[in-house]
Amino acid sequence: MKRARARDERGSTTVEFVVLVPLMVLLLMVVVQFGIYFHTRAVATTAAHQAADNARILDGTAEAGSAAATQFLDQNAGALRDQDVSVERSDTDVTVTVTGEVLSLIPFASFPLDVTVSAPVERIVE
């Protein structure tokens, strides 16, 4: 009786393995993807802060801020594709927006990134 039952379950381990391994690999890819996304978001936020700091100083310009952010992203954001830096400077404040697409490990998935930072402009008030 035990032999008959053992024969009925032959191959069940292989079926479980074939079903579970792709799910585990997909789960691992999702975890790594979220790590890449949040790291890239932190890098883009730092780039936006650097752009704001360069554009908000007394003699700063939007071009100086954009150049600082672009240089920082080129050095540190390898996972950010189609990156774009937009710096708007008025008399009272600076707004920096960094956009792009995060590298995707998951097929057919898209992870857009949009970070905006605002800061007041330094000025002399008499």
N, C-alpha and C. Protein backbone atom coordinates (compact mmCIF):
# COMPACT_ATOMS: atom_id res chain seq x y z
N MET A 1 0.81 -1.19 0.00
CA MET A 1 0.00 0.00 0.00
C MET A 1 0.86 1.27 0.00
N LYS A 2 1.94 1.24 0.77
CA LYS A 2 2.82 2.39 0.78
C LYS A 2 3.50 2.59 -0.57
N ARG A 3 3.81 1.48 -1.23
CA ARG A 3 4.46 1.59 -2.54
C ARG A 3 3.53 2.22 -3.57
N ALA A 4 2.28 1.89 -3.55
CA ALA A 4 1.34 2.44 -4.51
C ALA A 4 1.19 3.95 -4.31
N ARG A 5 1.14 4.37 -3.07
CA ARG A 5 1.01 5.80 -2.80
C ARG A 5 2.30 6.53 -3.17
N ALA A 6 3.43 5.92 -2.94
CA ALA A 6 4.72 6.55 -3.28
C ALA A 6 4.84 6.72 -4.79
N ARG A 7 4.33 5.78 -5.55
CA ARG A 7 4.39 5.89 -7.00
C ARG A 7 3.47 7.00 -7.50
N ASP A 8 2.35 7.22 -6.84
CA ASP A 8 1.43 8.27 -7.25
C ASP A 8 2.04 9.66 -7.08
N GLU A 9 2.95 9.82 -6.15
CA GLU A 9 3.55 11.13 -5.87
C GLU A 9 4.89 11.33 -6.57
N ARG A 10 5.30 10.37 -7.38
CA ARG A 10 6.56 10.54 -8.09
C ARG A 10 6.48 11.73 -9.02
N GLY A 11 7.51 12.57 -8.99
CA GLY A 11 7.55 13.73 -9.87
C GLY A 11 6.91 14.97 -9.28
N SER A 12 6.26 14.84 -8.14
CA SER A 12 5.60 16.02 -7.56
C SER A 12 6.60 17.07 -7.12
N THR A 13 7.78 16.65 -6.67
CA THR A 13 8.81 17.60 -6.28
C THR A 13 9.29 18.39 -7.50
N THR A 14 9.43 17.73 -8.61
CA THR A 14 9.85 18.41 -9.84
C THR A 14 8.82 19.43 -10.28
N VAL A 15 7.56 19.09 -10.19
CA VAL A 15 6.49 20.02 -10.57
C VAL A 15 6.49 21.23 -9.64
N GLU A 16 6.63 20.98 -8.34
CA GLU A 16 6.69 22.08 -7.39
C GLU A 16 7.88 22.99 -7.69
N PHE A 17 9.02 22.39 -8.00
CA PHE A 17 10.22 23.15 -8.31
C PHE A 17 10.01 24.00 -9.56
N VAL A 18 9.43 23.43 -10.58
CA VAL A 18 9.20 24.14 -11.84
C VAL A 18 8.23 25.29 -11.65
N VAL A 19 7.29 25.15 -10.75
CA VAL A 19 6.31 26.21 -10.50
C VAL A 19 6.89 27.28 -9.58
N LEU A 20 7.61 26.88 -8.55
CA LEU A 20 8.06 27.84 -7.55
C LEU A 20 9.31 28.62 -7.93
N VAL A 21 10.22 28.04 -8.67
CA VAL A 21 11.47 28.75 -8.99
C VAL A 21 11.21 30.01 -9.81
N PRO A 22 10.41 29.99 -10.86
CA PRO A 22 10.15 31.25 -11.58
C PRO A 22 9.48 32.30 -10.70
N LEU A 23 8.61 31.88 -9.80
CA LEU A 23 7.98 32.85 -8.89
C LEU A 23 9.00 33.45 -7.94
N MET A 24 9.93 32.65 -7.46
CA MET A 24 10.97 33.16 -6.57
C MET A 24 11.92 34.12 -7.31
N VAL A 25 12.24 33.78 -8.55
CA VAL A 25 13.10 34.65 -9.35
C VAL A 25 12.39 35.98 -9.62
N LEU A 26 11.11 35.93 -9.93
CA LEU A 26 10.34 37.15 -10.16
C LEU A 26 10.27 37.99 -8.88
N LEU A 27 10.07 37.35 -7.75
CA LEU A 27 10.05 38.07 -6.47
C LEU A 27 11.39 38.74 -6.21
N LEU A 28 12.47 38.04 -6.47
CA LEU A 28 13.80 38.61 -6.29
C LEU A 28 14.01 39.80 -7.22
N MET A 29 13.56 39.69 -8.46
CA MET A 29 13.69 40.80 -9.41
C MET A 29 12.88 42.01 -8.97
N VAL A 30 11.71 41.79 -8.39
CA VAL A 30 10.89 42.90 -7.90
C VAL A 30 11.58 43.60 -6.73
N VAL A 31 12.17 42.83 -5.83
CA VAL A 31 12.88 43.43 -4.69
C VAL A 31 14.06 44.25 -5.18
N VAL A 32 14.84 43.71 -6.11
CA VAL A 32 15.99 44.44 -6.64
C VAL A 32 15.53 45.68 -7.41
N GLN A 33 14.42 45.57 -8.15
CA GLN A 33 13.88 46.71 -8.90
C GLN A 33 13.51 47.85 -7.97
N PHE A 34 12.85 47.54 -6.86
CA PHE A 34 12.50 48.59 -5.91
C PHE A 34 13.75 49.22 -5.31
N GLY A 35 14.78 48.42 -5.06
CA GLY A 35 16.04 48.98 -4.57
C GLY A 35 16.65 49.94 -5.57
N ILE A 36 16.66 49.55 -6.84
CA ILE A 36 17.20 50.43 -7.89
C ILE A 36 16.37 51.70 -7.98
N TYR A 37 15.05 51.56 -7.93
CA TYR A 37 14.18 52.73 -8.05
C TYR A 37 14.43 53.72 -6.91
N PHE A 38 14.44 53.24 -5.68
CA PHE A 38 14.60 54.16 -4.55
C PHE A 38 16.00 54.74 -4.47
N HIS A 39 17.02 53.99 -4.88
CA HIS A 39 18.37 54.56 -4.94
C HIS A 39 18.44 55.66 -6.01
N THR A 40 17.89 55.39 -7.17
CA THR A 40 17.90 56.38 -8.25
C THR A 40 17.10 57.61 -7.87
N ARG A 41 16.00 57.41 -7.15
CA ARG A 41 15.21 58.55 -6.67
C ARG A 41 16.02 59.41 -5.70
N ALA A 42 16.78 58.77 -4.82
CA ALA A 42 17.63 59.51 -3.87
C ALA A 42 18.70 60.29 -4.62
N VAL A 43 19.30 59.69 -5.65
CA VAL A 43 20.32 60.38 -6.45
C VAL A 43 19.70 61.56 -7.18
N ALA A 44 18.51 61.39 -7.75
CA ALA A 44 17.84 62.48 -8.47
C ALA A 44 17.46 63.61 -7.50
N THR A 45 17.06 63.27 -6.30
CA THR A 45 16.73 64.30 -5.30
C THR A 45 17.98 65.08 -4.91
N THR A 46 19.09 64.40 -4.73
CA THR A 46 20.35 65.08 -4.41
C THR A 46 20.78 65.99 -5.56
N ALA A 47 20.62 65.53 -6.78
CA ALA A 47 20.96 66.36 -7.95
C ALA A 47 20.08 67.61 -7.99
N ALA A 48 18.79 67.45 -7.69
CA ALA A 48 17.88 68.59 -7.69
C ALA A 48 18.27 69.58 -6.59
N HIS A 49 18.67 69.08 -5.43
CA HIS A 49 19.11 69.98 -4.35
C HIS A 49 20.39 70.72 -4.75
N GLN A 50 21.30 70.03 -5.41
CA GLN A 50 22.53 70.71 -5.86
C GLN A 50 22.21 71.78 -6.90
N ALA A 51 21.29 71.49 -7.79
CA ALA A 51 20.89 72.49 -8.78
C ALA A 51 20.26 73.70 -8.10
N ALA A 52 19.39 73.44 -7.13
CA ALA A 52 18.75 74.54 -6.41
C ALA A 52 19.78 75.37 -5.66
N ASP A 53 20.75 74.70 -5.03
CA ASP A 53 21.79 75.44 -4.30
C ASP A 53 22.62 76.31 -5.23
N ASN A 54 22.93 75.82 -6.43
CA ASN A 54 23.72 76.62 -7.37
C ASN A 54 22.90 77.74 -8.01
N ALA A 55 21.61 77.55 -8.15
CA ALA A 55 20.77 78.58 -8.79
C ALA A 55 20.26 79.61 -7.79
N ARG A 56 20.20 79.29 -6.52
CA ARG A 56 19.58 80.20 -5.55
C ARG A 56 20.54 81.20 -4.93
N ILE A 57 21.85 81.01 -5.13
CA ILE A 57 22.79 81.96 -4.54
C ILE A 57 22.62 83.33 -5.19
N LEU A 58 23.18 84.34 -4.56
CA LEU A 58 22.96 85.73 -4.97
C LEU A 58 23.22 85.96 -6.46
N ASP A 59 24.32 85.47 -6.97
CA ASP A 59 24.65 85.66 -8.39
C ASP A 59 24.40 84.39 -9.21
N GLY A 60 23.59 83.49 -8.71
CA GLY A 60 23.34 82.22 -9.39
C GLY A 60 22.41 82.38 -10.58
N THR A 61 22.47 81.41 -11.45
CA THR A 61 21.61 81.40 -12.64
C THR A 61 20.97 80.02 -12.78
N ALA A 62 19.91 79.98 -13.57
CA ALA A 62 19.26 78.71 -13.85
C ALA A 62 20.20 77.79 -14.62
N GLU A 63 21.02 78.35 -15.49
CA GLU A 63 21.95 77.55 -16.27
C GLU A 63 23.00 76.90 -15.38
N ALA A 64 23.48 77.64 -14.36
CA ALA A 64 24.47 77.07 -13.44
C ALA A 64 23.86 75.91 -12.65
N GLY A 65 22.62 76.07 -12.25
CA GLY A 65 21.93 74.99 -11.54
C GLY A 65 21.73 73.78 -12.41
N SER A 66 21.31 74.00 -13.64
CA SER A 66 21.10 72.90 -14.57
C SER A 66 22.40 72.17 -14.86
N ALA A 67 23.49 72.90 -15.03
CA ALA A 67 24.79 72.28 -15.29
C ALA A 67 25.25 71.45 -14.09
N ALA A 68 25.03 71.95 -12.88
CA ALA A 68 25.43 71.21 -11.68
C ALA A 68 24.65 69.91 -11.55
N ALA A 69 23.35 69.97 -11.80
CA ALA A 69 22.52 68.76 -11.70
C ALA A 69 22.88 67.76 -12.78
N THR A 70 23.10 68.22 -13.99
CA THR A 70 23.45 67.33 -15.09
C THR A 70 24.78 66.64 -14.83
N GLN A 71 25.75 67.38 -14.33
CA GLN A 71 27.05 66.79 -14.02
C GLN A 71 26.91 65.74 -12.92
N PHE A 72 26.15 66.04 -11.88
CA PHE A 72 25.95 65.08 -10.79
C PHE A 72 25.25 63.82 -11.29
N LEU A 73 24.22 63.99 -12.11
CA LEU A 73 23.50 62.83 -12.64
C LEU A 73 24.38 61.99 -13.56
N ASP A 74 25.21 62.63 -14.37
CA ASP A 74 26.10 61.89 -15.26
C ASP A 74 27.08 61.02 -14.47
N GLN A 75 27.50 61.51 -13.30
CA GLN A 75 28.46 60.77 -12.49
C GLN A 75 27.81 59.69 -11.63
N ASN A 76 26.54 59.89 -11.22
CA ASN A 76 25.96 59.03 -10.19
C ASN A 76 24.68 58.31 -10.55
N ALA A 77 24.04 58.66 -11.63
CA ALA A 77 22.72 58.08 -11.93
C ALA A 77 22.77 57.23 -13.19
N GLY A 78 23.51 56.14 -13.11
CA GLY A 78 23.61 55.25 -14.26
C GLY A 78 22.30 54.54 -14.59
N ALA A 79 21.42 54.44 -13.61
CA ALA A 79 20.15 53.73 -13.83
C ALA A 79 19.03 54.67 -14.28
N LEU A 80 19.34 55.95 -14.48
CA LEU A 80 18.32 56.92 -14.91
C LEU A 80 18.49 57.19 -16.40
N ARG A 81 17.51 56.77 -17.17
CA ARG A 81 17.54 56.94 -18.63
C ARG A 81 16.68 58.14 -19.02
N ASP A 82 16.98 58.74 -20.15
CA ASP A 82 16.22 59.88 -20.68
C ASP A 82 16.06 60.98 -19.63
N GLN A 83 17.13 61.29 -18.96
CA GLN A 83 17.06 62.28 -17.88
C GLN A 83 16.91 63.69 -18.45
N ASP A 84 16.18 64.50 -17.70
CA ASP A 84 15.97 65.90 -18.08
C ASP A 84 15.95 66.73 -16.80
N VAL A 85 16.66 67.86 -16.84
CA VAL A 85 16.71 68.77 -15.70
C VAL A 85 16.10 70.09 -16.12
N SER A 86 15.12 70.56 -15.35
CA SER A 86 14.48 71.84 -15.62
C SER A 86 14.65 72.74 -14.40
N VAL A 87 15.23 73.92 -14.61
CA VAL A 87 15.46 74.87 -13.52
C VAL A 87 14.75 76.17 -13.87
N GLU A 88 13.87 76.60 -12.97
CA GLU A 88 13.17 77.87 -13.13
C GLU A 88 13.53 78.76 -11.96
N ARG A 89 14.05 79.96 -12.27
CA ARG A 89 14.48 80.89 -11.23
C ARG A 89 13.71 82.18 -11.38
N SER A 90 13.04 82.59 -10.31
CA SER A 90 12.36 83.88 -10.30
C SER A 90 13.09 84.78 -9.30
N ASP A 91 12.53 85.94 -9.02
CA ASP A 91 13.15 86.86 -8.07
C ASP A 91 13.09 86.33 -6.64
N THR A 92 12.15 85.43 -6.35
CA THR A 92 11.97 84.97 -4.98
C THR A 92 12.27 83.49 -4.74
N ASP A 93 12.15 82.67 -5.76
CA ASP A 93 12.38 81.25 -5.52
C ASP A 93 12.91 80.52 -6.77
N VAL A 94 13.42 79.31 -6.50
CA VAL A 94 13.96 78.44 -7.54
C VAL A 94 13.20 77.12 -7.46
N THR A 95 12.81 76.61 -8.62
CA THR A 95 12.17 75.30 -8.69
C THR A 95 12.95 74.43 -9.68
N VAL A 96 13.37 73.27 -9.19
CA VAL A 96 14.15 72.34 -10.01
C VAL A 96 13.34 71.05 -10.16
N THR A 97 13.23 70.56 -11.38
CA THR A 97 12.54 69.30 -11.64
C THR A 97 13.48 68.38 -12.41
N VAL A 98 13.67 67.18 -11.88
CA VAL A 98 14.48 66.16 -12.53
C VAL A 98 13.52 65.04 -12.92
N THR A 99 13.52 64.70 -14.21
CA THR A 99 12.66 63.62 -14.70
C THR A 99 13.50 62.61 -15.46
N GLY A 100 12.95 61.43 -15.60
CA GLY A 100 13.62 60.38 -16.35
C GLY A 100 12.90 59.06 -16.17
N GLU A 101 13.53 58.03 -16.65
CA GLU A 101 12.97 56.68 -16.55
C GLU A 101 14.02 55.78 -15.91
N VAL A 102 13.63 55.08 -14.85
CA VAL A 102 14.54 54.20 -14.14
C VAL A 102 14.70 52.90 -14.91
N LEU A 103 15.92 52.43 -14.98
CA LEU A 103 16.23 51.16 -15.63
C LEU A 103 15.34 50.06 -15.08
N SER A 104 14.76 49.26 -15.96
CA SER A 104 13.82 48.23 -15.55
C SER A 104 14.40 46.83 -15.72
N LEU A 105 14.33 46.04 -14.65
CA LEU A 105 14.72 44.64 -14.71
C LEU A 105 13.53 43.75 -15.06
N ILE A 106 12.35 44.27 -14.86
CA ILE A 106 11.13 43.51 -15.08
C ILE A 106 10.65 43.78 -16.51
N PRO A 107 10.48 42.73 -17.30
CA PRO A 107 10.08 42.94 -18.69
C PRO A 107 8.73 43.66 -18.81
N PHE A 108 8.64 44.55 -19.76
CA PHE A 108 7.42 45.29 -20.10
C PHE A 108 6.97 46.23 -18.98
N ALA A 109 7.83 46.54 -18.03
CA ALA A 109 7.47 47.46 -16.94
C ALA A 109 8.18 48.79 -17.17
N SER A 110 7.53 49.85 -16.77
CA SER A 110 8.07 51.19 -16.92
C SER A 110 8.05 51.87 -15.55
N PHE A 111 9.15 52.54 -15.21
CA PHE A 111 9.25 53.20 -13.92
C PHE A 111 9.68 54.66 -14.12
N PRO A 112 8.71 55.56 -14.38
CA PRO A 112 9.05 56.97 -14.55
C PRO A 112 9.42 57.60 -13.20
N LEU A 113 10.28 58.61 -13.29
CA LEU A 113 10.75 59.29 -12.09
C LEU A 113 10.58 60.79 -12.29
N ASP A 114 10.04 61.46 -11.29
CA ASP A 114 9.81 62.90 -11.34
C ASP A 114 10.05 63.46 -9.94
N VAL A 115 11.12 64.25 -9.80
CA VAL A 115 11.48 64.84 -8.51
C VAL A 115 11.49 66.35 -8.66
N THR A 116 10.83 67.04 -7.74
CA THR A 116 10.80 68.51 -7.77
C THR A 116 11.26 69.05 -6.43
N VAL A 117 12.14 70.06 -6.48
CA VAL A 117 12.67 70.71 -5.29
C VAL A 117 12.52 72.21 -5.47
N SER A 118 12.07 72.89 -4.41
CA SER A 118 11.94 74.35 -4.44
C SER A 118 12.75 74.95 -3.29
N ALA A 119 13.26 76.14 -3.53
CA ALA A 119 14.04 76.83 -2.50
C ALA A 119 13.94 78.34 -2.73
N PRO A 120 14.06 79.12 -1.64
CA PRO A 120 14.05 80.58 -1.82
C PRO A 120 15.38 81.07 -2.39
N VAL A 121 15.32 82.17 -3.12
CA VAL A 121 16.53 82.77 -3.70
C VAL A 121 17.15 83.71 -2.68
N GLU A 122 18.47 83.68 -2.59
CA GLU A 122 19.16 84.61 -1.72
C GLU A 122 19.07 86.01 -2.32
N ARG A 123 18.76 86.97 -1.50
CA ARG A 123 18.70 88.36 -1.99
C ARG A 123 18.97 89.30 -0.84
N ILE A 124 19.41 90.48 -1.21
CA ILE A 124 19.71 91.50 -0.21
C ILE A 124 18.47 92.39 -0.09
N VAL A 125 17.97 92.49 1.11
CA VAL A 125 16.80 93.31 1.37
C VAL A 125 17.25 94.48 2.25
N GLU A 126 16.95 95.68 1.76
CA GLU A 126 17.38 96.86 2.53
C GLU A 126 16.23 97.50 3.25
